[in-house]
Amino acid sequence: MSSNTNVETINLEALKAGDRAEFARLVESHYELVYRLAIKMLNNPQDAEDVLQETFTKAFRHIGGFDGRSSLSTWLYRIATNEALMFLRRQKPGQISVEEPQGDDEELQKPLEIVDWCCLPEEELMSAEAQRYLDEAVSRLPSSLRAAFVLRDIQGLSTLEAAEVLNLSETALKTRLSRARLQLRESLSSYYGKKLREEGKRT
């Protein structure tokens, strides 16, 4: 992962031997990325802090069992994603599933209300309000789709890396990502459609 190159220079043997200074380097190199993952998954700073703390607590506790089949980066992302998904399950028992969403193919492919927002001013597209709306739209995605979108489109992992984190095939990851993007585009079309109507009234 290009954003985490420093983490792969960490001494794995020292980590497994319980070297706290080396573990501190691991935390420092991944602190912001893990927090960003958690905040985008949960949309709540306090919950994200809890997930962040639990991620590194579990990483320190279980580093001895790290087998090296994936990178340290992928391993940490997997812990953080699982922690966020478990948090969501505890918040809404029986409503959150990490399994592939079920649905009729025709329903998934039905036409969506898509608005072309290319004519909106750039400051409108990049506004704090628009960002909040996007964050809220992401938080309304089913957890399995949300995880795929956050890892791939926000954290910037490759398709292979995101699939490894979620223990999916690349094909399954792409399917979830496609569904997430379609749902978000429909949500954002509603928001930007309103903005375009407001813009039209002012001109």
N, C-alpha and C. Protein backbone atom coordinates (compact mmCIF):
# COMPACT_ATOMS: atom_id res chain seq x y z
N MET A 1 0.85 -1.18 0.00
CA MET A 1 0.00 0.00 0.00
C MET A 1 0.88 1.23 0.00
N SER A 2 0.71 2.07 -0.97
CA SER A 2 1.61 3.20 -1.13
C SER A 2 1.55 4.18 0.03
N SER A 3 0.39 4.28 0.69
CA SER A 3 0.27 5.24 1.78
C SER A 3 0.88 4.75 3.07
N ASN A 4 1.28 3.48 3.11
CA ASN A 4 1.77 2.91 4.36
C ASN A 4 3.16 2.29 4.20
N THR A 5 3.99 2.86 3.37
CA THR A 5 5.27 2.23 3.09
C THR A 5 6.13 2.09 4.32
N ASN A 6 6.04 3.03 5.27
CA ASN A 6 6.90 2.97 6.45
C ASN A 6 6.63 1.77 7.33
N VAL A 7 5.37 1.32 7.34
CA VAL A 7 5.03 0.23 8.24
C VAL A 7 5.76 -1.06 7.89
N GLU A 8 6.06 -1.26 6.60
CA GLU A 8 6.69 -2.51 6.20
C GLU A 8 8.18 -2.54 6.55
N THR A 9 8.73 -1.43 7.02
CA THR A 9 10.13 -1.42 7.46
C THR A 9 10.26 -1.73 8.95
N ILE A 10 9.13 -1.93 9.61
CA ILE A 10 9.14 -2.22 11.04
C ILE A 10 9.68 -3.63 11.27
N ASN A 11 10.43 -3.79 12.35
CA ASN A 11 11.06 -5.06 12.69
C ASN A 11 10.02 -6.01 13.28
N LEU A 12 9.60 -6.98 12.47
CA LEU A 12 8.56 -7.90 12.90
C LEU A 12 9.02 -8.77 14.08
N GLU A 13 10.28 -9.17 14.06
CA GLU A 13 10.79 -9.98 15.17
C GLU A 13 10.72 -9.22 16.48
N ALA A 14 11.06 -7.92 16.43
CA ALA A 14 10.99 -7.09 17.64
C ALA A 14 9.54 -6.96 18.11
N LEU A 15 8.63 -6.80 17.16
CA LEU A 15 7.22 -6.73 17.52
C LEU A 15 6.76 -7.99 18.24
N LYS A 16 7.11 -9.13 17.66
CA LYS A 16 6.68 -10.40 18.24
C LYS A 16 7.35 -10.67 19.59
N ALA A 17 8.50 -10.03 19.81
CA ALA A 17 9.18 -10.18 21.10
C ALA A 17 8.61 -9.23 22.15
N GLY A 18 7.62 -8.41 21.75
CA GLY A 18 6.98 -7.53 22.71
C GLY A 18 7.67 -6.18 22.86
N ASP A 19 8.48 -5.80 21.89
CA ASP A 19 9.19 -4.53 21.94
C ASP A 19 8.19 -3.38 21.83
N ARG A 20 7.98 -2.64 22.92
CA ARG A 20 6.98 -1.58 22.95
C ARG A 20 7.37 -0.38 22.08
N ALA A 21 8.65 -0.11 21.98
CA ALA A 21 9.10 1.00 21.14
C ALA A 21 8.79 0.71 19.67
N GLU A 22 9.00 -0.55 19.27
CA GLU A 22 8.70 -0.93 17.89
C GLU A 22 7.20 -0.90 17.64
N PHE A 23 6.44 -1.32 18.66
CA PHE A 23 4.99 -1.27 18.50
C PHE A 23 4.51 0.17 18.42
N ALA A 24 5.14 1.07 19.15
CA ALA A 24 4.79 2.49 19.08
C ALA A 24 5.01 3.02 17.67
N ARG A 25 6.04 2.55 16.99
CA ARG A 25 6.28 2.95 15.60
C ARG A 25 5.16 2.44 14.71
N LEU A 26 4.69 1.24 14.97
CA LEU A 26 3.58 0.68 14.20
C LEU A 26 2.32 1.53 14.38
N VAL A 27 2.04 1.91 15.63
CA VAL A 27 0.88 2.74 15.91
C VAL A 27 1.01 4.08 15.22
N GLU A 28 2.18 4.70 15.34
CA GLU A 28 2.40 6.02 14.74
C GLU A 28 2.19 6.00 13.23
N SER A 29 2.64 4.93 12.58
CA SER A 29 2.56 4.85 11.12
C SER A 29 1.14 4.59 10.64
N HIS A 30 0.27 4.06 11.52
CA HIS A 30 -1.08 3.71 11.08
C HIS A 30 -2.20 4.41 11.82
N TYR A 31 -1.86 5.24 12.79
CA TYR A 31 -2.88 5.86 13.63
C TYR A 31 -3.94 6.61 12.81
N GLU A 32 -3.50 7.52 11.95
CA GLU A 32 -4.44 8.34 11.20
C GLU A 32 -5.27 7.52 10.22
N LEU A 33 -4.65 6.55 9.56
CA LEU A 33 -5.36 5.74 8.58
C LEU A 33 -6.44 4.87 9.23
N VAL A 34 -6.10 4.28 10.38
CA VAL A 34 -7.08 3.45 11.08
C VAL A 34 -8.23 4.30 11.60
N TYR A 35 -7.90 5.49 12.12
CA TYR A 35 -8.96 6.37 12.62
C TYR A 35 -9.88 6.80 11.48
N ARG A 36 -9.30 7.15 10.33
CA ARG A 36 -10.12 7.57 9.19
C ARG A 36 -11.04 6.44 8.74
N LEU A 37 -10.55 5.22 8.72
CA LEU A 37 -11.39 4.07 8.40
C LEU A 37 -12.55 3.99 9.38
N ALA A 38 -12.25 4.10 10.67
CA ALA A 38 -13.29 3.95 11.70
C ALA A 38 -14.32 5.08 11.62
N ILE A 39 -13.87 6.31 11.40
CA ILE A 39 -14.82 7.43 11.37
C ILE A 39 -15.72 7.34 10.14
N LYS A 40 -15.20 6.87 9.02
CA LYS A 40 -16.03 6.72 7.83
C LYS A 40 -16.99 5.54 7.96
N MET A 41 -16.60 4.51 8.70
CA MET A 41 -17.49 3.38 8.92
C MET A 41 -18.60 3.72 9.91
N LEU A 42 -18.26 4.51 10.94
CA LEU A 42 -19.18 4.71 12.06
C LEU A 42 -19.79 6.11 12.11
N ASN A 43 -19.13 7.09 11.47
CA ASN A 43 -19.63 8.47 11.41
C ASN A 43 -19.86 9.05 12.81
N ASN A 44 -18.99 8.67 13.75
CA ASN A 44 -19.08 9.17 15.12
C ASN A 44 -17.68 9.19 15.73
N PRO A 45 -17.17 10.36 16.10
CA PRO A 45 -15.78 10.45 16.59
C PRO A 45 -15.48 9.58 17.80
N GLN A 46 -16.40 9.56 18.79
CA GLN A 46 -16.15 8.77 19.99
C GLN A 46 -16.11 7.28 19.68
N ASP A 47 -17.04 6.83 18.85
CA ASP A 47 -17.06 5.42 18.45
C ASP A 47 -15.80 5.07 17.68
N ALA A 48 -15.36 5.99 16.81
CA ALA A 48 -14.14 5.76 16.04
C ALA A 48 -12.93 5.66 16.96
N GLU A 49 -12.87 6.48 18.00
CA GLU A 49 -11.78 6.41 18.97
C GLU A 49 -11.78 5.06 19.68
N ASP A 50 -12.96 4.56 20.02
CA ASP A 50 -13.06 3.26 20.69
C ASP A 50 -12.55 2.14 19.79
N VAL A 51 -12.93 2.21 18.51
CA VAL A 51 -12.47 1.20 17.55
C VAL A 51 -10.96 1.31 17.35
N LEU A 52 -10.46 2.52 17.28
CA LEU A 52 -9.02 2.75 17.13
C LEU A 52 -8.25 2.11 18.29
N GLN A 53 -8.70 2.38 19.51
CA GLN A 53 -8.02 1.84 20.68
C GLN A 53 -8.09 0.31 20.70
N GLU A 54 -9.26 -0.23 20.40
CA GLU A 54 -9.41 -1.69 20.43
C GLU A 54 -8.59 -2.35 19.33
N THR A 55 -8.47 -1.70 18.19
CA THR A 55 -7.67 -2.25 17.09
C THR A 55 -6.22 -2.45 17.50
N PHE A 56 -5.62 -1.42 18.09
CA PHE A 56 -4.21 -1.52 18.46
C PHE A 56 -4.00 -2.38 19.70
N THR A 57 -4.99 -2.43 20.58
CA THR A 57 -4.92 -3.34 21.73
C THR A 57 -4.87 -4.78 21.25
N LYS A 58 -5.76 -5.12 20.31
CA LYS A 58 -5.79 -6.48 19.78
C LYS A 58 -4.54 -6.78 18.95
N ALA A 59 -4.07 -5.78 18.22
CA ALA A 59 -2.86 -5.99 17.43
C ALA A 59 -1.68 -6.32 18.34
N PHE A 60 -1.53 -5.59 19.43
CA PHE A 60 -0.43 -5.84 20.36
C PHE A 60 -0.57 -7.23 21.00
N ARG A 61 -1.80 -7.58 21.33
CA ARG A 61 -2.06 -8.84 22.02
C ARG A 61 -1.82 -10.04 21.10
N HIS A 62 -2.10 -9.88 19.81
CA HIS A 62 -2.08 -11.03 18.91
C HIS A 62 -0.96 -10.99 17.87
N ILE A 63 -0.04 -10.05 17.99
CA ILE A 63 1.03 -9.95 17.00
C ILE A 63 1.84 -11.23 16.90
N GLY A 64 1.92 -11.98 17.99
CA GLY A 64 2.66 -13.24 17.95
C GLY A 64 2.07 -14.25 16.99
N GLY A 65 0.78 -14.10 16.71
CA GLY A 65 0.12 -15.03 15.80
C GLY A 65 0.11 -14.56 14.36
N PHE A 66 0.70 -13.41 14.09
CA PHE A 66 0.76 -12.90 12.71
C PHE A 66 1.68 -13.81 11.90
N ASP A 67 1.11 -14.40 10.83
CA ASP A 67 1.86 -15.42 10.08
C ASP A 67 2.55 -14.88 8.83
N GLY A 68 2.34 -13.62 8.51
CA GLY A 68 3.03 -13.04 7.36
C GLY A 68 2.42 -13.36 6.02
N ARG A 69 1.28 -14.05 5.98
CA ARG A 69 0.67 -14.37 4.69
C ARG A 69 0.11 -13.11 4.00
N SER A 70 -0.22 -12.10 4.80
CA SER A 70 -0.60 -10.79 4.27
C SER A 70 0.37 -9.78 4.82
N SER A 71 0.30 -8.54 4.35
CA SER A 71 1.17 -7.50 4.89
C SER A 71 0.67 -7.08 6.27
N LEU A 72 1.54 -6.45 7.03
CA LEU A 72 1.11 -5.89 8.32
C LEU A 72 -0.02 -4.88 8.11
N SER A 73 0.07 -4.12 7.03
CA SER A 73 -0.96 -3.13 6.73
C SER A 73 -2.33 -3.79 6.56
N THR A 74 -2.39 -4.83 5.75
CA THR A 74 -3.65 -5.55 5.51
C THR A 74 -4.16 -6.15 6.81
N TRP A 75 -3.26 -6.70 7.61
CA TRP A 75 -3.63 -7.31 8.89
C TRP A 75 -4.28 -6.28 9.81
N LEU A 76 -3.69 -5.08 9.90
CA LEU A 76 -4.25 -4.04 10.75
C LEU A 76 -5.61 -3.56 10.21
N TYR A 77 -5.70 -3.39 8.90
CA TYR A 77 -6.98 -3.00 8.32
C TYR A 77 -8.06 -4.04 8.61
N ARG A 78 -7.68 -5.32 8.56
CA ARG A 78 -8.66 -6.38 8.82
C ARG A 78 -9.17 -6.30 10.26
N ILE A 79 -8.25 -6.08 11.21
CA ILE A 79 -8.66 -5.96 12.61
C ILE A 79 -9.59 -4.75 12.77
N ALA A 80 -9.20 -3.61 12.21
CA ALA A 80 -9.99 -2.39 12.35
C ALA A 80 -11.37 -2.53 11.71
N THR A 81 -11.43 -3.13 10.53
CA THR A 81 -12.71 -3.31 9.85
C THR A 81 -13.61 -4.24 10.64
N ASN A 82 -13.06 -5.34 11.14
CA ASN A 82 -13.85 -6.27 11.95
C ASN A 82 -14.36 -5.61 13.21
N GLU A 83 -13.52 -4.78 13.84
CA GLU A 83 -13.94 -4.07 15.05
C GLU A 83 -15.10 -3.12 14.73
N ALA A 84 -15.01 -2.41 13.62
CA ALA A 84 -16.08 -1.49 13.24
C ALA A 84 -17.37 -2.25 12.94
N LEU A 85 -17.26 -3.36 12.24
CA LEU A 85 -18.45 -4.15 11.92
C LEU A 85 -19.07 -4.74 13.17
N MET A 86 -18.25 -5.19 14.11
CA MET A 86 -18.78 -5.72 15.37
C MET A 86 -19.46 -4.63 16.18
N PHE A 87 -18.90 -3.43 16.14
CA PHE A 87 -19.52 -2.30 16.83
C PHE A 87 -20.90 -2.03 16.24
N LEU A 88 -21.01 -2.05 14.92
CA LEU A 88 -22.30 -1.83 14.27
C LEU A 88 -23.30 -2.90 14.65
N ARG A 89 -22.85 -4.15 14.76
CA ARG A 89 -23.75 -5.24 15.15
C ARG A 89 -24.27 -5.03 16.57
N ARG A 90 -23.38 -4.58 17.46
CA ARG A 90 -23.81 -4.35 18.84
C ARG A 90 -24.81 -3.21 18.93
N GLN A 91 -24.64 -2.21 18.07
CA GLN A 91 -25.55 -1.07 18.07
C GLN A 91 -26.93 -1.43 17.55
N LYS A 92 -26.97 -2.30 16.54
CA LYS A 92 -28.24 -2.69 15.92
C LYS A 92 -28.30 -4.20 15.77
N PRO A 93 -28.47 -4.93 16.87
CA PRO A 93 -28.49 -6.39 16.80
C PRO A 93 -29.58 -6.89 15.88
N GLY A 94 -29.19 -7.83 15.02
CA GLY A 94 -30.15 -8.42 14.10
C GLY A 94 -30.37 -7.65 12.83
N GLN A 95 -29.82 -6.42 12.75
CA GLN A 95 -30.03 -5.59 11.57
C GLN A 95 -28.79 -5.46 10.70
N ILE A 96 -27.64 -5.78 11.27
CA ILE A 96 -26.39 -5.61 10.54
C ILE A 96 -25.84 -6.97 10.13
N SER A 97 -25.50 -7.13 8.87
CA SER A 97 -24.93 -8.37 8.39
C SER A 97 -23.70 -8.08 7.55
N VAL A 98 -22.65 -8.89 7.76
CA VAL A 98 -21.47 -8.73 6.92
C VAL A 98 -21.52 -9.66 5.73
N GLU A 99 -22.61 -10.40 5.60
CA GLU A 99 -22.75 -11.29 4.46
C GLU A 99 -23.13 -10.50 3.22
N GLU A 100 -22.94 -11.13 2.07
CA GLU A 100 -23.29 -10.47 0.81
C GLU A 100 -24.77 -10.14 0.81
N PRO A 101 -25.15 -8.88 0.55
CA PRO A 101 -26.55 -8.48 0.54
C PRO A 101 -27.35 -9.31 -0.47
N GLN A 102 -28.56 -9.67 -0.06
CA GLN A 102 -29.41 -10.46 -0.93
C GLN A 102 -30.31 -9.51 -1.72
N GLY A 103 -30.70 -9.91 -2.89
CA GLY A 103 -31.59 -9.06 -3.66
C GLY A 103 -31.75 -9.60 -5.06
N ASP A 104 -32.88 -9.31 -5.65
CA ASP A 104 -33.16 -9.74 -7.00
C ASP A 104 -32.31 -8.93 -7.98
N ASP A 105 -31.71 -9.61 -8.95
CA ASP A 105 -30.84 -8.92 -9.90
C ASP A 105 -31.58 -7.79 -10.63
N GLU A 106 -32.86 -8.04 -10.96
CA GLU A 106 -33.61 -7.01 -11.66
C GLU A 106 -33.78 -5.79 -10.77
N GLU A 107 -33.98 -6.02 -9.45
CA GLU A 107 -34.14 -4.90 -8.53
C GLU A 107 -32.85 -4.11 -8.43
N LEU A 108 -31.72 -4.83 -8.40
CA LEU A 108 -30.44 -4.16 -8.29
C LEU A 108 -30.11 -3.34 -9.54
N GLN A 109 -30.65 -3.79 -10.68
CA GLN A 109 -30.32 -3.13 -11.93
C GLN A 109 -31.40 -2.14 -12.40
N LYS A 110 -32.44 -1.93 -11.58
CA LYS A 110 -33.51 -1.05 -12.03
C LYS A 110 -32.97 0.38 -12.17
N PRO A 111 -33.58 1.19 -13.05
CA PRO A 111 -33.08 2.55 -13.27
C PRO A 111 -33.10 3.37 -11.99
N LEU A 112 -32.05 4.14 -11.77
CA LEU A 112 -31.96 5.00 -10.61
C LEU A 112 -32.21 6.44 -11.02
N GLU A 113 -32.62 7.26 -10.05
CA GLU A 113 -32.80 8.69 -10.32
C GLU A 113 -31.42 9.35 -10.26
N ILE A 114 -30.81 9.56 -11.41
CA ILE A 114 -29.46 10.11 -11.46
C ILE A 114 -29.51 11.54 -12.02
N VAL A 115 -28.92 12.46 -11.28
CA VAL A 115 -28.90 13.86 -11.68
C VAL A 115 -27.48 14.24 -12.11
N ASP A 116 -27.36 14.98 -13.21
CA ASP A 116 -26.06 15.48 -13.65
C ASP A 116 -25.78 16.80 -12.92
N TRP A 117 -24.83 16.77 -11.97
CA TRP A 117 -24.55 17.97 -11.18
C TRP A 117 -23.31 18.73 -11.67
N CYS A 118 -22.94 18.50 -12.95
CA CYS A 118 -21.74 19.13 -13.49
C CYS A 118 -21.85 20.65 -13.53
N CYS A 119 -23.09 21.17 -13.56
CA CYS A 119 -23.25 22.61 -13.71
C CYS A 119 -23.24 23.35 -12.38
N LEU A 120 -23.15 22.65 -11.25
CA LEU A 120 -23.07 23.32 -9.96
C LEU A 120 -21.70 23.94 -9.77
N PRO A 121 -21.65 25.09 -9.08
CA PRO A 121 -20.35 25.70 -8.79
C PRO A 121 -19.47 24.74 -7.97
N GLU A 122 -18.15 24.82 -8.19
CA GLU A 122 -17.23 23.91 -7.49
C GLU A 122 -17.34 24.04 -5.98
N GLU A 123 -17.54 25.29 -5.49
CA GLU A 123 -17.62 25.46 -4.04
C GLU A 123 -18.83 24.74 -3.46
N GLU A 124 -19.89 24.56 -4.28
CA GLU A 124 -21.07 23.83 -3.84
C GLU A 124 -20.76 22.33 -3.75
N LEU A 125 -20.01 21.84 -4.74
CA LEU A 125 -19.67 20.43 -4.76
C LEU A 125 -18.73 20.06 -3.62
N MET A 126 -17.86 20.98 -3.22
CA MET A 126 -16.83 20.70 -2.23
C MET A 126 -17.18 21.27 -0.86
N SER A 127 -18.38 21.73 -0.66
CA SER A 127 -18.74 22.40 0.58
C SER A 127 -18.76 21.43 1.75
N ALA A 128 -18.67 22.00 2.96
CA ALA A 128 -18.74 21.19 4.18
C ALA A 128 -20.09 20.49 4.27
N GLU A 129 -21.14 21.18 3.82
CA GLU A 129 -22.47 20.58 3.84
C GLU A 129 -22.54 19.35 2.94
N ALA A 130 -21.94 19.47 1.75
CA ALA A 130 -21.92 18.34 0.81
C ALA A 130 -21.14 17.17 1.40
N GLN A 131 -20.02 17.46 2.07
CA GLN A 131 -19.22 16.40 2.68
C GLN A 131 -20.01 15.70 3.79
N ARG A 132 -20.74 16.50 4.59
CA ARG A 132 -21.56 15.89 5.64
C ARG A 132 -22.64 15.00 5.04
N TYR A 133 -23.22 15.45 3.94
CA TYR A 133 -24.26 14.66 3.29
C TYR A 133 -23.68 13.34 2.77
N LEU A 134 -22.47 13.43 2.19
CA LEU A 134 -21.82 12.21 1.70
C LEU A 134 -21.54 11.26 2.86
N ASP A 135 -21.00 11.79 3.97
CA ASP A 135 -20.72 10.95 5.13
C ASP A 135 -21.98 10.25 5.64
N GLU A 136 -23.08 11.01 5.67
CA GLU A 136 -24.34 10.43 6.12
C GLU A 136 -24.83 9.36 5.14
N ALA A 137 -24.65 9.62 3.85
CA ALA A 137 -25.07 8.64 2.85
C ALA A 137 -24.25 7.36 2.97
N VAL A 138 -22.94 7.49 3.22
CA VAL A 138 -22.09 6.32 3.43
C VAL A 138 -22.55 5.55 4.66
N SER A 139 -22.92 6.27 5.72
CA SER A 139 -23.33 5.61 6.96
C SER A 139 -24.65 4.87 6.81
N ARG A 140 -25.43 5.21 5.78
CA ARG A 140 -26.70 4.51 5.55
C ARG A 140 -26.54 3.27 4.67
N LEU A 141 -25.37 3.07 4.10
CA LEU A 141 -25.14 1.87 3.30
C LEU A 141 -25.17 0.64 4.20
N PRO A 142 -25.61 -0.52 3.68
CA PRO A 142 -25.45 -1.77 4.43
C PRO A 142 -23.99 -1.95 4.80
N SER A 143 -23.72 -2.53 5.95
CA SER A 143 -22.35 -2.57 6.47
C SER A 143 -21.37 -3.23 5.51
N SER A 144 -21.79 -4.28 4.81
CA SER A 144 -20.88 -4.96 3.90
C SER A 144 -20.50 -4.08 2.71
N LEU A 145 -21.48 -3.32 2.20
CA LEU A 145 -21.20 -2.40 1.10
C LEU A 145 -20.36 -1.22 1.59
N ARG A 146 -20.67 -0.75 2.79
CA ARG A 146 -19.93 0.37 3.37
C ARG A 146 -18.46 0.03 3.52
N ALA A 147 -18.17 -1.16 4.04
CA ALA A 147 -16.78 -1.56 4.23
C ALA A 147 -16.03 -1.60 2.91
N ALA A 148 -16.66 -2.14 1.87
CA ALA A 148 -16.01 -2.21 0.56
C ALA A 148 -15.74 -0.81 0.01
N PHE A 149 -16.71 0.09 0.14
CA PHE A 149 -16.55 1.45 -0.37
C PHE A 149 -15.47 2.22 0.39
N VAL A 150 -15.49 2.13 1.72
CA VAL A 150 -14.52 2.87 2.53
C VAL A 150 -13.10 2.39 2.24
N LEU A 151 -12.91 1.08 2.21
CA LEU A 151 -11.57 0.54 1.98
C LEU A 151 -11.05 0.89 0.59
N ARG A 152 -11.91 0.78 -0.41
CA ARG A 152 -11.46 0.96 -1.79
C ARG A 152 -11.43 2.43 -2.20
N ASP A 153 -12.51 3.16 -1.95
CA ASP A 153 -12.64 4.51 -2.50
C ASP A 153 -12.22 5.62 -1.55
N ILE A 154 -12.19 5.35 -0.26
CA ILE A 154 -11.77 6.37 0.69
C ILE A 154 -10.36 6.10 1.19
N GLN A 155 -10.09 4.87 1.61
CA GLN A 155 -8.76 4.53 2.09
C GLN A 155 -7.77 4.32 0.94
N GLY A 156 -8.28 4.05 -0.25
CA GLY A 156 -7.42 3.94 -1.42
C GLY A 156 -6.72 2.61 -1.59
N LEU A 157 -7.24 1.55 -0.96
CA LEU A 157 -6.65 0.23 -1.16
C LEU A 157 -6.96 -0.25 -2.57
N SER A 158 -6.11 -1.13 -3.07
CA SER A 158 -6.39 -1.75 -4.36
C SER A 158 -7.53 -2.74 -4.19
N THR A 159 -8.09 -3.19 -5.30
CA THR A 159 -9.15 -4.19 -5.24
C THR A 159 -8.67 -5.45 -4.53
N LEU A 160 -7.46 -5.88 -4.83
CA LEU A 160 -6.90 -7.08 -4.20
C LEU A 160 -6.73 -6.87 -2.70
N GLU A 161 -6.20 -5.72 -2.30
CA GLU A 161 -5.98 -5.45 -0.88
C GLU A 161 -7.30 -5.39 -0.11
N ALA A 162 -8.29 -4.71 -0.69
CA ALA A 162 -9.60 -4.61 -0.02
C ALA A 162 -10.25 -5.98 0.09
N ALA A 163 -10.10 -6.79 -0.96
CA ALA A 163 -10.65 -8.15 -0.93
C ALA A 163 -9.98 -8.98 0.16
N GLU A 164 -8.68 -8.82 0.32
CA GLU A 164 -7.96 -9.56 1.36
C GLU A 164 -8.43 -9.14 2.75
N VAL A 165 -8.62 -7.84 2.95
CA VAL A 165 -9.08 -7.35 4.25
C VAL A 165 -10.44 -7.96 4.60
N LEU A 166 -11.33 -8.03 3.63
CA LEU A 166 -12.69 -8.52 3.88
C LEU A 166 -12.83 -10.02 3.65
N ASN A 167 -11.71 -10.68 3.31
CA ASN A 167 -11.72 -12.12 3.07
C ASN A 167 -12.71 -12.49 1.97
N LEU A 168 -12.65 -11.75 0.86
CA LEU A 168 -13.52 -11.96 -0.28
C LEU A 168 -12.70 -12.24 -1.52
N SER A 169 -13.35 -12.77 -2.54
CA SER A 169 -12.73 -12.82 -3.86
C SER A 169 -12.75 -11.42 -4.45
N GLU A 170 -11.88 -11.16 -5.41
CA GLU A 170 -11.90 -9.85 -6.05
C GLU A 170 -13.22 -9.59 -6.76
N THR A 171 -13.81 -10.64 -7.32
CA THR A 171 -15.10 -10.49 -8.00
C THR A 171 -16.18 -10.06 -7.02
N ALA A 172 -16.21 -10.69 -5.85
CA ALA A 172 -17.21 -10.32 -4.83
C ALA A 172 -17.00 -8.90 -4.34
N LEU A 173 -15.73 -8.51 -4.19
CA LEU A 173 -15.43 -7.15 -3.74
C LEU A 173 -15.93 -6.14 -4.78
N LYS A 174 -15.67 -6.42 -6.06
CA LYS A 174 -16.11 -5.51 -7.12
C LYS A 174 -17.63 -5.40 -7.15
N THR A 175 -18.33 -6.50 -6.90
CA THR A 175 -19.79 -6.48 -6.89
C THR A 175 -20.30 -5.58 -5.78
N ARG A 176 -19.73 -5.74 -4.58
CA ARG A 176 -20.16 -4.91 -3.46
C ARG A 176 -19.85 -3.44 -3.71
N LEU A 177 -18.69 -3.18 -4.28
CA LEU A 177 -18.28 -1.81 -4.55
C LEU A 177 -19.22 -1.16 -5.57
N SER A 178 -19.58 -1.91 -6.59
CA SER A 178 -20.49 -1.39 -7.61
C SER A 178 -21.84 -1.04 -7.01
N ARG A 179 -22.35 -1.91 -6.14
CA ARG A 179 -23.64 -1.65 -5.50
C ARG A 179 -23.56 -0.42 -4.59
N ALA A 180 -22.45 -0.32 -3.85
CA ALA A 180 -22.27 0.83 -2.96
C ALA A 180 -22.25 2.13 -3.75
N ARG A 181 -21.50 2.15 -4.86
CA ARG A 181 -21.41 3.37 -5.66
C ARG A 181 -22.75 3.75 -6.26
N LEU A 182 -23.53 2.76 -6.70
CA LEU A 182 -24.84 3.05 -7.27
C LEU A 182 -25.77 3.65 -6.22
N GLN A 183 -25.76 3.07 -5.02
CA GLN A 183 -26.62 3.58 -3.96
C GLN A 183 -26.22 4.99 -3.54
N LEU A 184 -24.92 5.23 -3.47
CA LEU A 184 -24.44 6.56 -3.10
C LEU A 184 -24.78 7.58 -4.18
N ARG A 185 -24.63 7.18 -5.44
CA ARG A 185 -24.94 8.11 -6.53
C ARG A 185 -26.42 8.48 -6.51
N GLU A 186 -27.26 7.53 -6.19
CA GLU A 186 -28.69 7.84 -6.11
C GLU A 186 -28.95 8.80 -4.95
N SER A 187 -28.31 8.57 -3.80
CA SER A 187 -28.48 9.46 -2.65
C SER A 187 -27.99 10.86 -2.97
N LEU A 188 -26.82 10.94 -3.60
CA LEU A 188 -26.25 12.25 -3.92
C LEU A 188 -27.04 12.95 -5.01
N SER A 189 -27.68 12.19 -5.89
CA SER A 189 -28.51 12.79 -6.93
C SER A 189 -29.67 13.54 -6.29
N SER A 190 -30.24 12.98 -5.22
CA SER A 190 -31.32 13.65 -4.51
C SER A 190 -30.84 14.96 -3.92
N TYR A 191 -29.65 14.94 -3.32
CA TYR A 191 -29.09 16.14 -2.69
C TYR A 191 -28.76 17.20 -3.74
N TYR A 192 -28.00 16.79 -4.77
CA TYR A 192 -27.57 17.77 -5.77
C TYR A 192 -28.72 18.21 -6.67
N GLY A 193 -29.73 17.35 -6.83
CA GLY A 193 -30.91 17.76 -7.58
C GLY A 193 -31.58 18.95 -6.92
N LYS A 194 -31.67 18.89 -5.58
CA LYS A 194 -32.25 20.01 -4.83
C LYS A 194 -31.39 21.26 -5.00
N LYS A 195 -30.05 21.08 -4.95
CA LYS A 195 -29.15 22.22 -5.10
C LYS A 195 -29.29 22.85 -6.49
N LEU A 196 -29.45 22.01 -7.51
CA LEU A 196 -29.61 22.53 -8.87
C LEU A 196 -30.90 23.33 -9.00
N ARG A 197 -31.96 22.86 -8.37
CA ARG A 197 -33.23 23.59 -8.42
C ARG A 197 -33.10 24.95 -7.73
N GLU A 198 -32.36 24.94 -6.59
CA GLU A 198 -32.15 26.20 -5.87
C GLU A 198 -31.30 27.15 -6.70
N GLU A 199 -30.29 26.58 -7.39
CA GLU A 199 -29.41 27.38 -8.24
C GLU A 199 -30.20 27.99 -9.39
N GLY A 200 -31.15 27.20 -9.94
CA GLY A 200 -31.96 27.68 -11.05
C GLY A 200 -32.85 28.85 -10.65
N LYS A 201 -33.34 28.82 -9.39
CA LYS A 201 -34.21 29.89 -8.92
C LYS A 201 -33.45 31.19 -8.74
N ARG A 202 -32.12 31.06 -8.47
CA ARG A 202 -31.34 32.28 -8.23
C ARG A 202 -30.87 32.94 -9.53
N THR A 203 -30.94 32.15 -10.65
CA THR A 203 -30.44 32.69 -11.93
C THR A 203 -31.59 33.21 -12.80
